[in-house]
Amino acid sequence: MPLVGANQPQLIRSSQKDEYYQHCLRNNTNEAFQTLAGSKRWLHWRKEIQLLSDLAYYGLTTFSGYQTLGEEYVSIIQVDPTLRRVPSRVRRGALVLLHSLFPYLLDKLLVCLENELEAGEESLGGGGRRAAVTSPWSPGAWMRGWVRRAVGLLTEPQRRACVPAVLVLQQGLSILHRVHVALFYISGAFYHLGKRTAGVSYLRVRGVTGDDGAVRSSYRLLGVVSLLQLALTLALQLNNLRQRQRARQEWRQHRNLTSRSQSVEETDSPRTSRCNLCLEERRHSTSTPCGHLFCWECITEWCNTKGSVSCNSSWISIWREREKDSEDETSTHLGPAH
């Protein structure tokens, strides 16, 4: 009986079964670590514990030459690109590292790089302080030190240019995963990027079911729809990015024009920016019915204490009344002279 490649439902069910047992192994490992070392250390080492659990699971199954629990559940076996032999130990080891270790290292690298780039001037002034506070035995300390040294060699313009580059790289990785899943729906060959990179595919042990062609056709349609949805999402994101850039440019132009007009007004009439009630620079300038400008705080305070603010010809009476109130308050606080 000729061997046939595994279809999409078998690979998905196998992956789901493996994720279930990996989740159980992680929970047991986390409980054991918390009991022995405490919750505080577990918070620092939870990602490393998850990595060790995954490496132990795939080390005892894939790297040792056995089927995983998910592969055994759907009766599929791993084969190399020739589709005739079981993958060698080197290929299986590369598969385990690409599937478990490489995503962990990439995530750590991107997070450290983003933190160092966003630190900016703080990383220049306080880099030694943070390095001294960080424990050499903390997870990822060697990577943070390496990234900090690499970022320290960059100039300030280069750092500013690298910040959006890191964000684009993160978005690109998520898009790559979505494209990979869509291609899997269409071709049905590789469900994980690590297996595609290592060239490890699957053959089914049992015979072909009668509805295999219909299943593959439906998944191909699902893959095409996924690609169309991804293309539409990218188009919307690009449109939003252009609108944000346009709005940012318009805001910069408006801010430059406003600052220039304010500077011209200050040079032309330096005394007009002062409030005649508090004798300080006007804050939130507000006009009275007579046309004079005062601080909004001064106007509201006057309205709360004296009623409405209105004058026919000038603001001198308001200013004199304000000065009189201030003198009365000062005399009240000081008391009668001895």
C-alpha atoms as a PDB file:
ATOM      1  CA  MET A   1       0.000   0.000   0.000  1.00  0.00           C
ATOM      2  CA  PRO A   2       1.558   3.353  -1.017  1.00  0.00           C
ATOM      3  CA  LEU A   3       2.131   5.917   1.710  1.00  0.00           C
ATOM      4  CA  VAL A   4       0.185   9.162   1.355  1.00  0.00           C
ATOM      5  CA  GLY A   5       0.949  12.536   2.873  1.00  0.00           C
ATOM      6  CA  ALA A   6      -1.006  13.622   5.909  1.00  0.00           C
ATOM      7  CA  ASN A   7      -3.806  16.074   5.225  1.00  0.00           C
ATOM      8  CA  GLN A   8      -4.574  19.339   7.000  1.00  0.00           C
ATOM      9  CA  PRO A   9      -7.041  18.037   9.644  1.00  0.00           C
ATOM     10  CA  GLN A  10      -4.581  15.356  10.785  1.00  0.00           C
ATOM     11  CA  LEU A  11      -1.745  17.859  11.187  1.00  0.00           C
ATOM     12  CA  ILE A  12      -3.975  20.309  13.067  1.00  0.00           C
ATOM     13  CA  ARG A  13      -5.313  17.654  15.437  1.00  0.00           C
ATOM     14  CA  SER A  14      -1.797  16.374  16.042  1.00  0.00           C
ATOM     15  CA  SER A  15      -0.563  19.880  16.892  1.00  0.00           C
ATOM     16  CA  GLN A  16      -3.518  20.497  19.207  1.00  0.00           C
ATOM     17  CA  LYS A  17      -2.887  17.224  21.036  1.00  0.00           C
ATOM     18  CA  ASP A  18       0.793  18.063  21.475  1.00  0.00           C
ATOM     19  CA  GLU A  19      -0.080  21.524  22.784  1.00  0.00           C
ATOM     20  CA  TYR A  20      -2.457  19.965  25.309  1.00  0.00           C
ATOM     21  CA  TYR A  21       0.200  17.656  26.754  1.00  0.00           C
ATOM     22  CA  GLN A  22       2.787  20.445  26.663  1.00  0.00           C
ATOM     23  CA  HIS A  23       0.396  22.628  28.633  1.00  0.00           C
ATOM     24  CA  CYS A  24      -0.020  19.882  31.246  1.00  0.00           C
ATOM     25  CA  LEU A  25       3.752  19.449  31.502  1.00  0.00           C
ATOM     26  CA  ARG A  26       4.257  23.214  31.892  1.00  0.00           C
ATOM     27  CA  ASN A  27       1.673  23.449  34.658  1.00  0.00           C
ATOM     28  CA  ASN A  28       3.256  20.609  36.602  1.00  0.00           C
ATOM     29  CA  THR A  29       6.705  22.118  36.169  1.00  0.00           C
ATOM     30  CA  ASN A  30       5.503  25.558  37.258  1.00  0.00           C
ATOM     31  CA  GLU A  31       3.855  24.140  40.373  1.00  0.00           C
ATOM     32  CA  ALA A  32       6.998  22.231  41.298  1.00  0.00           C
ATOM     33  CA  PHE A  33       9.208  25.293  40.762  1.00  0.00           C
ATOM     34  CA  GLN A  34       6.918  27.549  42.795  1.00  0.00           C
ATOM     35  CA  THR A  35       6.903  25.043  45.650  1.00  0.00           C
ATOM     36  CA  LEU A  36      10.700  24.802  45.703  1.00  0.00           C
ATOM     37  CA  ALA A  37      11.805  28.350  44.816  1.00  0.00           C
ATOM     38  CA  GLY A  38       8.779  30.553  45.503  1.00  0.00           C
ATOM     39  CA  SER A  39       6.540  32.710  43.354  1.00  0.00           C
ATOM     40  CA  LYS A  40       8.978  35.629  43.068  1.00  0.00           C
ATOM     41  CA  ARG A  41      11.651  33.584  41.335  1.00  0.00           C
ATOM     42  CA  TRP A  42       9.031  31.849  39.238  1.00  0.00           C
ATOM     43  CA  LEU A  43       7.942  35.230  37.843  1.00  0.00           C
ATOM     44  CA  HIS A  44      11.520  35.840  36.679  1.00  0.00           C
ATOM     45  CA  TRP A  45      12.028  32.367  35.228  1.00  0.00           C
ATOM     46  CA  ARG A  46       8.559  31.418  33.924  1.00  0.00           C
ATOM     47  CA  LYS A  47       9.512  31.733  30.234  1.00  0.00           C
ATOM     48  CA  GLU A  48      12.674  29.699  30.771  1.00  0.00           C
ATOM     49  CA  ILE A  49      10.652  27.026  32.570  1.00  0.00           C
ATOM     50  CA  GLN A  50       8.270  26.913  29.624  1.00  0.00           C
ATOM     51  CA  LEU A  51      11.240  26.560  27.271  1.00  0.00           C
ATOM     52  CA  LEU A  52      12.742  23.719  29.313  1.00  0.00           C
ATOM     53  CA  SER A  53       9.380  21.938  29.403  1.00  0.00           C
ATOM     54  CA  ASP A  54       9.048  22.132  25.616  1.00  0.00           C
ATOM     55  CA  LEU A  55      12.626  20.960  25.105  1.00  0.00           C
ATOM     56  CA  ALA A  56      12.034  18.036  27.465  1.00  0.00           C
ATOM     57  CA  TYR A  57       8.824  17.062  25.660  1.00  0.00           C
ATOM     58  CA  TYR A  58      10.339  17.126  22.176  1.00  0.00           C
ATOM     59  CA  GLY A  59      13.638  15.745  23.398  1.00  0.00           C
ATOM     60  CA  LEU A  60      11.963  12.624  24.766  1.00  0.00           C
ATOM     61  CA  THR A  61       9.845  12.144  21.620  1.00  0.00           C
ATOM     62  CA  THR A  62      11.077  13.724  18.383  1.00  0.00           C
ATOM     63  CA  PHE A  63      14.812  13.882  19.109  1.00  0.00           C
ATOM     64  CA  SER A  64      14.807  10.332  20.509  1.00  0.00           C
ATOM     65  CA  GLY A  65      13.193   9.018  17.319  1.00  0.00           C
ATOM     66  CA  TYR A  66       9.706   8.387  18.700  1.00  0.00           C
ATOM     67  CA  GLN A  67       6.329   9.765  17.750  1.00  0.00           C
ATOM     68  CA  THR A  68       4.884  12.568  19.809  1.00  0.00           C
ATOM     69  CA  LEU A  69       1.579  11.929  21.550  1.00  0.00           C
ATOM     70  CA  GLY A  70      -0.201  14.017  18.938  1.00  0.00           C
ATOM     71  CA  GLU A  71       1.431  12.162  16.024  1.00  0.00           C
ATOM     72  CA  GLU A  72       0.554   8.852  17.606  1.00  0.00           C
ATOM     73  CA  TYR A  73      -3.023  10.052  18.130  1.00  0.00           C
ATOM     74  CA  VAL A  74      -3.636  10.618  14.394  1.00  0.00           C
ATOM     75  CA  SER A  75      -1.211   7.883  13.171  1.00  0.00           C
ATOM     76  CA  ILE A  76       1.323   9.953  11.229  1.00  0.00           C
ATOM     77  CA  ILE A  77       5.118   9.681  11.044  1.00  0.00           C
ATOM     78  CA  GLN A  78       7.866  12.153  10.244  1.00  0.00           C
ATOM     79  CA  VAL A  79       9.881  11.842   7.020  1.00  0.00           C
ATOM     80  CA  ASP A  80      12.706  13.803   5.441  1.00  0.00           C
ATOM     81  CA  PRO A  81      12.411  15.661   2.089  1.00  0.00           C
ATOM     82  CA  THR A  82      12.891  12.377   0.179  1.00  0.00           C
ATOM     83  CA  LEU A  83       9.593  11.087   1.698  1.00  0.00           C
ATOM     84  CA  ARG A  84      11.247   7.670   2.080  1.00  0.00           C
ATOM     85  CA  ARG A  85      13.346   7.867   5.223  1.00  0.00           C
ATOM     86  CA  VAL A  86      12.876   8.934   8.800  1.00  0.00           C
ATOM     87  CA  PRO A  87      14.698  12.229   9.534  1.00  0.00           C
ATOM     88  CA  SER A  88      18.236  11.886  10.787  1.00  0.00           C
ATOM     89  CA  ARG A  89      19.209  12.801  14.330  1.00  0.00           C
ATOM     90  CA  VAL A  90      20.778  16.056  13.150  1.00  0.00           C
ATOM     91  CA  ARG A  91      17.610  17.046  11.316  1.00  0.00           C
ATOM     92  CA  ARG A  92      15.466  16.111  14.308  1.00  0.00           C
ATOM     93  CA  GLY A  93      17.704  18.137  16.622  1.00  0.00           C
ATOM     94  CA  ALA A  94      17.484  21.134  14.285  1.00  0.00           C
ATOM     95  CA  LEU A  95      13.700  20.739  14.242  1.00  0.00           C
ATOM     96  CA  VAL A  96      13.499  20.800  18.049  1.00  0.00           C
ATOM     97  CA  LEU A  97      15.713  23.894  18.282  1.00  0.00           C
ATOM     98  CA  LEU A  98      13.852  25.744  15.540  1.00  0.00           C
ATOM     99  CA  HIS A  99      10.484  24.854  17.012  1.00  0.00           C
ATOM    100  CA  SER A 100      11.234  25.689  20.675  1.00  0.00           C
ATOM    101  CA  LEU A 101      14.528  27.533  21.239  1.00  0.00           C
ATOM    102  CA  PHE A 102      14.606  29.888  18.252  1.00  0.00           C
ATOM    103  CA  PRO A 103      11.231  31.614  18.997  1.00  0.00           C
ATOM    104  CA  TYR A 104      12.334  32.154  22.603  1.00  0.00           C
ATOM    105  CA  LEU A 105      15.649  33.749  21.585  1.00  0.00           C
ATOM    106  CA  LEU A 106      13.992  35.892  18.915  1.00  0.00           C
ATOM    107  CA  ASP A 107      11.360  37.166  21.337  1.00  0.00           C
ATOM    108  CA  LYS A 108      14.006  37.977  23.964  1.00  0.00           C
ATOM    109  CA  LEU A 109      16.154  39.774  21.407  1.00  0.00           C
ATOM    110  CA  LEU A 110      13.313  41.933  20.079  1.00  0.00           C
ATOM    111  CA  VAL A 111      12.099  42.845  23.570  1.00  0.00           C
ATOM    112  CA  CYS A 112      15.597  43.817  24.755  1.00  0.00           C
ATOM    113  CA  LEU A 113      16.264  45.777  21.579  1.00  0.00           C
ATOM    114  CA  GLU A 114      12.968  47.649  21.827  1.00  0.00           C
ATOM    115  CA  ASN A 115      13.552  48.538  25.481  1.00  0.00           C
ATOM    116  CA  GLU A 116      17.068  49.815  24.849  1.00  0.00           C
ATOM    117  CA  LEU A 117      16.048  51.875  21.840  1.00  0.00           C
ATOM    118  CA  GLU A 118      13.067  53.435  23.615  1.00  0.00           C
ATOM    119  CA  ALA A 119      15.252  54.289  26.586  1.00  0.00           C
ATOM    120  CA  GLY A 120      17.063  56.880  24.424  1.00  0.00           C
ATOM    121  CA  GLU A 121      18.980  59.369  26.490  1.00  0.00           C
ATOM    122  CA  GLU A 122      18.182  57.457  29.671  1.00  0.00           C
ATOM    123  CA  SER A 123      20.185  54.474  28.411  1.00  0.00           C
ATOM    124  CA  LEU A 124      23.148  56.794  27.851  1.00  0.00           C
ATOM    125  CA  GLY A 125      22.981  58.366  31.271  1.00  0.00           C
ATOM    126  CA  GLY A 126      21.779  55.423  33.369  1.00  0.00           C
ATOM    127  CA  GLY A 127      23.085  52.400  31.537  1.00  0.00           C
ATOM    128  CA  GLY A 128      25.731  51.664  34.130  1.00  0.00           C
ATOM    129  CA  ARG A 129      23.213  51.986  36.956  1.00  0.00           C
ATOM    130  CA  ARG A 130      20.799  49.541  35.330  1.00  0.00           C
ATOM    131  CA  ALA A 131      23.587  47.124  34.578  1.00  0.00           C
ATOM    132  CA  ALA A 132      24.647  47.195  38.211  1.00  0.00           C
ATOM    133  CA  VAL A 133      21.107  46.591  39.450  1.00  0.00           C
ATOM    134  CA  THR A 134      20.498  43.694  37.070  1.00  0.00           C
ATOM    135  CA  SER A 135      21.634  40.378  38.493  1.00  0.00           C
ATOM    136  CA  PRO A 136      24.094  38.391  36.360  1.00  0.00           C
ATOM    137  CA  TRP A 137      22.002  35.272  37.012  1.00  0.00           C
ATOM    138  CA  SER A 138      18.741  36.806  35.818  1.00  0.00           C
ATOM    139  CA  PRO A 139      17.209  35.332  32.653  1.00  0.00           C
ATOM    140  CA  GLY A 140      18.459  37.016  29.508  1.00  0.00           C
ATOM    141  CA  ALA A 141      21.058  39.120  31.352  1.00  0.00           C
ATOM    142  CA  TRP A 142      23.762  38.221  28.856  1.00  0.00           C
ATOM    143  CA  MET A 143      21.486  39.168  25.965  1.00  0.00           C
ATOM    144  CA  ARG A 144      20.566  42.491  27.554  1.00  0.00           C
ATOM    145  CA  GLY A 145      24.226  43.285  28.076  1.00  0.00           C
ATOM    146  CA  TRP A 146      25.058  42.412  24.490  1.00  0.00           C
ATOM    147  CA  VAL A 147      22.166  44.475  23.131  1.00  0.00           C
ATOM    148  CA  ARG A 148      23.086  47.418  25.388  1.00  0.00           C
ATOM    149  CA  ARG A 149      26.650  47.410  24.092  1.00  0.00           C
ATOM    150  CA  ALA A 150      25.471  47.179  20.501  1.00  0.00           C
ATOM    151  CA  VAL A 151      22.969  50.016  20.920  1.00  0.00           C
ATOM    152  CA  GLY A 152      25.598  52.125  22.676  1.00  0.00           C
ATOM    153  CA  LEU A 153      27.638  52.156  19.483  1.00  0.00           C
ATOM    154  CA  LEU A 154      24.798  53.793  17.558  1.00  0.00           C
ATOM    155  CA  THR A 155      24.310  57.518  17.234  1.00  0.00           C
ATOM    156  CA  GLU A 156      21.093  59.259  18.239  1.00  0.00           C
ATOM    157  CA  PRO A 157      19.752  59.551  14.652  1.00  0.00           C
ATOM    158  CA  GLN A 158      20.506  55.864  14.088  1.00  0.00           C
ATOM    159  CA  ARG A 159      18.590  54.950  17.243  1.00  0.00           C
ATOM    160  CA  ARG A 160      15.576  56.942  16.136  1.00  0.00           C
ATOM    161  CA  ALA A 161      15.686  55.174  12.782  1.00  0.00           C
ATOM    162  CA  CYS A 162      15.929  51.750  14.434  1.00  0.00           C
ATOM    163  CA  VAL A 163      12.841  52.218  16.631  1.00  0.00           C
ATOM    164  CA  PRO A 164      10.338  51.990  13.738  1.00  0.00           C
ATOM    165  CA  ALA A 165      12.490  49.265  12.155  1.00  0.00           C
ATOM    166  CA  VAL A 166      11.975  47.039  15.212  1.00  0.00           C
ATOM    167  CA  LEU A 167       8.224  47.657  15.114  1.00  0.00           C
ATOM    168  CA  VAL A 168       8.156  46.814  11.411  1.00  0.00           C
ATOM    169  CA  LEU A 169      10.105  43.623  12.118  1.00  0.00           C
ATOM    170  CA  GLN A 170       7.610  42.565  14.785  1.00  0.00           C
ATOM    171  CA  GLN A 171       4.702  43.239  12.478  1.00  0.00           C
ATOM    172  CA  GLY A 172       6.522  41.401   9.695  1.00  0.00           C
ATOM    173  CA  LEU A 173       6.903  38.293  11.841  1.00  0.00           C
ATOM    174  CA  SER A 174       3.188  38.203  12.606  1.00  0.00           C
ATOM    175  CA  ILE A 175       2.418  38.640   8.898  1.00  0.00           C
ATOM    176  CA  LEU A 176       4.862  35.854   8.082  1.00  0.00           C
ATOM    177  CA  HIS A 177       3.038  33.497  10.442  1.00  0.00           C
ATOM    178  CA  ARG A 178      -0.298  34.331   8.864  1.00  0.00           C
ATOM    179  CA  VAL A 179       1.065  33.785   5.360  1.00  0.00           C
ATOM    180  CA  HIS A 180       2.577  30.490   6.452  1.00  0.00           C
ATOM    181  CA  VAL A 181      -0.747  29.278   7.870  1.00  0.00           C
ATOM    182  CA  ALA A 182      -2.527  30.287   4.653  1.00  0.00           C
ATOM    183  CA  LEU A 183       0.030  28.373   2.588  1.00  0.00           C
ATOM    184  CA  PHE A 184      -0.462  25.374   4.837  1.00  0.00           C
ATOM    185  CA  TYR A 185      -4.196  25.484   4.167  1.00  0.00           C
ATOM    186  CA  ILE A 186      -3.491  25.543   0.437  1.00  0.00           C
ATOM    187  CA  SER A 187      -0.684  22.965   0.200  1.00  0.00           C
ATOM    188  CA  GLY A 188      -1.160  20.955   3.416  1.00  0.00           C
ATOM    189  CA  ALA A 189       2.556  20.253   3.820  1.00  0.00           C
ATOM    190  CA  PHE A 190       3.927  22.145   6.852  1.00  0.00           C
ATOM    191  CA  TYR A 191       1.945  23.435   9.798  1.00  0.00           C
ATOM    192  CA  HIS A 192       4.913  24.971  11.679  1.00  0.00           C
ATOM    193  CA  LEU A 193       7.686  27.222  10.401  1.00  0.00           C
ATOM    194  CA  GLY A 194      10.313  25.091  12.137  1.00  0.00           C
ATOM    195  CA  LYS A 195       9.229  21.974  10.247  1.00  0.00           C
ATOM    196  CA  ARG A 196       9.183  23.869   6.966  1.00  0.00           C
ATOM    197  CA  THR A 197      12.709  25.155   7.623  1.00  0.00           C
ATOM    198  CA  ALA A 198      13.990  21.718   8.683  1.00  0.00           C
ATOM    199  CA  GLY A 199      12.218  20.011   5.775  1.00  0.00           C
ATOM    200  CA  VAL A 200      10.292  17.565   7.961  1.00  0.00           C
ATOM    201  CA  SER A 201       6.901  16.487   6.600  1.00  0.00           C
ATOM    202  CA  TYR A 202       4.418  13.748   7.536  1.00  0.00           C
ATOM    203  CA  LEU A 203       3.028  10.594   6.023  1.00  0.00           C
ATOM    204  CA  ARG A 204      -0.090   8.892   7.263  1.00  0.00           C
ATOM    205  CA  VAL A 205       0.091   5.295   8.431  1.00  0.00           C
ATOM    206  CA  ARG A 206      -3.553   4.445   7.789  1.00  0.00           C
ATOM    207  CA  GLY A 207      -5.200   4.292   4.389  1.00  0.00           C
ATOM    208  CA  VAL A 208      -6.746   7.177   2.496  1.00  0.00           C
ATOM    209  CA  THR A 209     -10.291   8.087   3.432  1.00  0.00           C
ATOM    210  CA  GLY A 210     -12.916   8.601   0.754  1.00  0.00           C
ATOM    211  CA  ASP A 211     -13.459  12.303   1.400  1.00  0.00           C
ATOM    212  CA  ASP A 212      -9.766  13.275   1.368  1.00  0.00           C
ATOM    213  CA  GLY A 213     -10.105  15.230  -1.889  1.00  0.00           C
ATOM    214  CA  ALA A 214     -13.082  17.222  -0.628  1.00  0.00           C
ATOM    215  CA  VAL A 215     -11.252  18.012   2.634  1.00  0.00           C
ATOM    216  CA  ARG A 216      -8.193  19.316   0.811  1.00  0.00           C
ATOM    217  CA  SER A 217     -10.356  21.393  -1.543  1.00  0.00           C
ATOM    218  CA  SER A 218     -12.194  23.027   1.344  1.00  0.00           C
ATOM    219  CA  TYR A 219      -8.899  23.862   3.062  1.00  0.00           C
ATOM    220  CA  ARG A 220      -7.533  25.332  -0.170  1.00  0.00           C
ATOM    221  CA  LEU A 221     -10.538  27.624  -0.308  1.00  0.00           C
ATOM    222  CA  LEU A 222      -9.919  28.561   3.315  1.00  0.00           C
ATOM    223  CA  GLY A 223      -6.283  29.372   2.464  1.00  0.00           C
ATOM    224  CA  VAL A 224      -7.299  31.635  -0.424  1.00  0.00           C
ATOM    225  CA  VAL A 225      -9.785  33.450   1.812  1.00  0.00           C
ATOM    226  CA  SER A 226      -7.060  33.864   4.468  1.00  0.00           C
ATOM    227  CA  LEU A 227      -4.695  35.419   1.918  1.00  0.00           C
ATOM    228  CA  LEU A 228      -7.410  37.804   0.725  1.00  0.00           C
ATOM    229  CA  GLN A 229      -8.175  38.800   4.312  1.00  0.00           C
ATOM    230  CA  LEU A 230      -4.475  39.375   4.985  1.00  0.00           C
ATOM    231  CA  ALA A 231      -4.144  41.509   1.845  1.00  0.00           C
ATOM    232  CA  LEU A 232      -7.165  43.577   2.886  1.00  0.00           C
ATOM    233  CA  THR A 233      -5.756  44.029   6.395  1.00  0.00           C
ATOM    234  CA  LEU A 234      -2.403  45.179   5.030  1.00  0.00           C
ATOM    235  CA  ALA A 235      -4.109  47.644   2.698  1.00  0.00           C
ATOM    236  CA  LEU A 236      -6.096  49.127   5.591  1.00  0.00           C
ATOM    237  CA  GLN A 237      -2.990  49.379   7.756  1.00  0.00           C
ATOM    238  CA  LEU A 238      -1.059  51.136   4.988  1.00  0.00           C
ATOM    239  CA  ASN A 239      -3.935  53.555   4.504  1.00  0.00           C
ATOM    240  CA  ASN A 240      -4.058  54.305   8.232  1.00  0.00           C
ATOM    241  CA  LEU A 241      -0.294  54.813   8.240  1.00  0.00           C
ATOM    242  CA  ARG A 242      -0.512  57.318   5.410  1.00  0.00           C
ATOM    243  CA  GLN A 243      -3.296  59.195   7.150  1.00  0.00           C
ATOM    244  CA  ARG A 244      -1.293  59.344  10.365  1.00  0.00           C
ATOM    245  CA  GLN A 245       1.764  60.649   8.545  1.00  0.00           C
ATOM    246  CA  ARG A 246      -0.326  63.263   6.758  1.00  0.00           C
ATOM    247  CA  ALA A 247      -1.980  64.363  10.008  1.00  0.00           C
ATOM    248  CA  ARG A 248       1.425  64.504  11.704  1.00  0.00           C
ATOM    249  CA  GLN A 249       2.823  66.713   8.948  1.00  0.00           C
ATOM    250  CA  GLU A 250      -0.203  69.021   9.048  1.00  0.00           C
ATOM    251  CA  TRP A 251       0.088  69.295  12.829  1.00  0.00           C
ATOM    252  CA  ARG A 252       3.773  70.171  12.560  1.00  0.00           C
ATOM    253  CA  GLN A 253       3.033  72.883  10.022  1.00  0.00           C
ATOM    254  CA  HIS A 254       0.221  74.273  12.168  1.00  0.00           C
ATOM    255  CA  ARG A 255       2.405  74.234  15.259  1.00  0.00           C
ATOM    256  CA  ASN A 256       5.240  76.023  13.452  1.00  0.00           C
ATOM    257  CA  LEU A 257       2.871  78.704  12.152  1.00  0.00           C
ATOM    258  CA  THR A 258       1.340  79.172  15.607  1.00  0.00           C
ATOM    259  CA  SER A 259       4.725  79.487  17.301  1.00  0.00           C
ATOM    260  CA  ARG A 260       5.856  81.997  14.683  1.00  0.00           C
ATOM    261  CA  SER A 261       2.731  84.148  15.084  1.00  0.00           C
ATOM    262  CA  GLN A 262       3.053  84.081  18.855  1.00  0.00           C
ATOM    263  CA  SER A 263       6.702  85.108  18.678  1.00  0.00           C
ATOM    264  CA  VAL A 264       5.807  87.997  16.353  1.00  0.00           C
ATOM    265  CA  GLU A 265       3.066  89.192  18.711  1.00  0.00           C
ATOM    266  CA  GLU A 266       5.394  89.012  21.691  1.00  0.00           C
ATOM    267  CA  THR A 267       8.074  91.045  19.927  1.00  0.00           C
ATOM    268  CA  ASP A 268       5.578  93.633  18.683  1.00  0.00           C
ATOM    269  CA  SER A 269       3.660  94.174  21.923  1.00  0.00           C
ATOM    270  CA  PRO A 270       5.370  92.620  24.917  1.00  0.00           C
ATOM    271  CA  ARG A 271       2.948  94.154  27.457  1.00  0.00           C
ATOM    272  CA  THR A 272      -0.266  92.980  25.816  1.00  0.00           C
ATOM    273  CA  SER A 273       0.306  89.401  27.010  1.00  0.00           C
ATOM    274  CA  ARG A 274      -0.054  90.406  30.668  1.00  0.00           C
ATOM    275  CA  CYS A 275      -3.281  90.219  32.624  1.00  0.00           C
ATOM    276  CA  ASN A 276      -4.251  93.521  34.211  1.00  0.00           C
ATOM    277  CA  LEU A 277      -5.869  91.815  37.196  1.00  0.00           C
ATOM    278  CA  CYS A 278      -3.089  89.511  38.375  1.00  0.00           C
ATOM    279  CA  LEU A 279      -0.305  91.464  36.599  1.00  0.00           C
ATOM    280  CA  GLU A 280       1.134  88.207  35.290  1.00  0.00           C
ATOM    281  CA  GLU A 281       1.299  86.624  31.865  1.00  0.00           C
ATOM    282  CA  ARG A 282      -2.200  85.709  30.660  1.00  0.00           C
ATOM    283  CA  ARG A 283      -3.144  82.057  30.949  1.00  0.00           C
ATOM    284  CA  HIS A 284      -6.060  80.926  28.756  1.00  0.00           C
ATOM    285  CA  SER A 285      -6.852  84.472  27.607  1.00  0.00           C
ATOM    286  CA  THR A 286     -10.575  85.326  27.733  1.00  0.00           C
ATOM    287  CA  SER A 287     -12.335  88.451  26.512  1.00  0.00           C
ATOM    288  CA  THR A 288     -14.918  90.359  28.579  1.00  0.00           C
ATOM    289  CA  PRO A 289     -18.023  91.978  26.992  1.00  0.00           C
ATOM    290  CA  CYS A 290     -16.119  95.268  26.863  1.00  0.00           C
ATOM    291  CA  GLY A 291     -13.380  93.660  24.738  1.00  0.00           C
ATOM    292  CA  HIS A 292     -10.522  93.450  27.261  1.00  0.00           C
ATOM    293  CA  LEU A 293      -8.445  90.291  27.728  1.00  0.00           C
ATOM    294  CA  PHE A 294      -7.878  88.700  31.121  1.00  0.00           C
ATOM    295  CA  CYS A 295      -6.893  85.300  32.490  1.00  0.00           C
ATOM    296  CA  TRP A 296      -9.717  82.801  32.558  1.00  0.00           C
ATOM    297  CA  GLU A 297      -8.997  82.104  36.237  1.00  0.00           C
ATOM    298  CA  CYS A 298      -9.198  85.818  37.064  1.00  0.00           C
ATOM    299  CA  ILE A 299     -12.503  86.212  35.209  1.00  0.00           C
ATOM    300  CA  THR A 300     -14.115  83.200  36.920  1.00  0.00           C
ATOM    301  CA  GLU A 301     -12.888  84.315  40.337  1.00  0.00           C
ATOM    302  CA  TRP A 302     -14.238  87.840  39.776  1.00  0.00           C
ATOM    303  CA  CYS A 303     -17.604  86.492  38.607  1.00  0.00           C
ATOM    304  CA  ASN A 304     -17.885  84.240  41.660  1.00  0.00           C
ATOM    305  CA  THR A 305     -17.159  87.090  44.078  1.00  0.00           C
ATOM    306  CA  LYS A 306     -18.357  90.292  42.390  1.00  0.00           C
ATOM    307  CA  GLY A 307     -21.029  89.133  39.943  1.00  0.00           C
ATOM    308  CA  SER A 308     -20.714  89.916  36.243  1.00  0.00           C
ATOM    309  CA  VAL A 309     -17.792  91.578  34.527  1.00  0.00           C
ATOM    310  CA  SER A 310     -18.820  94.491  32.329  1.00  0.00           C
ATOM    311  CA  CYS A 311     -17.602  97.995  31.747  1.00  0.00           C
ATOM    312  CA  ASN A 312     -18.515 100.614  29.252  1.00  0.00           C
ATOM    313  CA  SER A 313     -15.239 102.236  28.407  1.00  0.00           C
ATOM    314  CA  SER A 314     -12.266 100.752  30.275  1.00  0.00           C
ATOM    315  CA  TRP A 315     -11.037  98.108  32.692  1.00  0.00           C
ATOM    316  CA  ILE A 316      -9.502 100.625  35.115  1.00  0.00           C
ATOM    317  CA  SER A 317     -12.348 100.340  37.595  1.00  0.00           C
ATOM    318  CA  ILE A 318     -11.974  96.536  37.690  1.00  0.00           C
ATOM    319  CA  TRP A 319      -8.247  96.806  38.249  1.00  0.00           C
ATOM    320  CA  ARG A 320      -8.672  99.386  41.023  1.00  0.00           C
ATOM    321  CA  GLU A 321     -11.296  97.238  42.730  1.00  0.00           C
ATOM    322  CA  ARG A 322      -8.931  94.271  42.522  1.00  0.00           C
ATOM    323  CA  GLU A 323      -6.120  96.302  44.075  1.00  0.00           C
ATOM    324  CA  LYS A 324      -8.434  97.497  46.842  1.00  0.00           C
ATOM    325  CA  ASP A 325      -9.489  93.934  47.680  1.00  0.00           C
ATOM    326  CA  SER A 326      -5.884  92.809  47.822  1.00  0.00           C
ATOM    327  CA  GLU A 327      -4.994  95.709  50.181  1.00  0.00           C
ATOM    328  CA  ASP A 328      -7.956  94.854  52.436  1.00  0.00           C
ATOM    329  CA  GLU A 329      -6.909  91.223  52.590  1.00  0.00           C
ATOM    330  CA  THR A 330      -3.343  92.207  53.412  1.00  0.00           C
ATOM    331  CA  SER A 331      -4.454  94.532  56.214  1.00  0.00           C
ATOM    332  CA  THR A 332      -6.760  91.869  57.610  1.00  0.00           C
ATOM    333  CA  HIS A 333      -3.959  89.308  57.749  1.00  0.00           C
ATOM    334  CA  LEU A 334      -1.490  91.722  59.298  1.00  0.00           C
ATOM    335  CA  GLY A 335      -3.932  93.115  61.903  1.00  0.00           C
ATOM    336  CA  PRO A 336      -3.908  96.629  63.459  1.00  0.00           C
ATOM    337  CA  ALA A 337      -0.610  98.357  63.721  1.00  0.00           C
ATOM    338  CA  HIS A 338       0.874  98.763  67.223  1.00  0.00           C
END
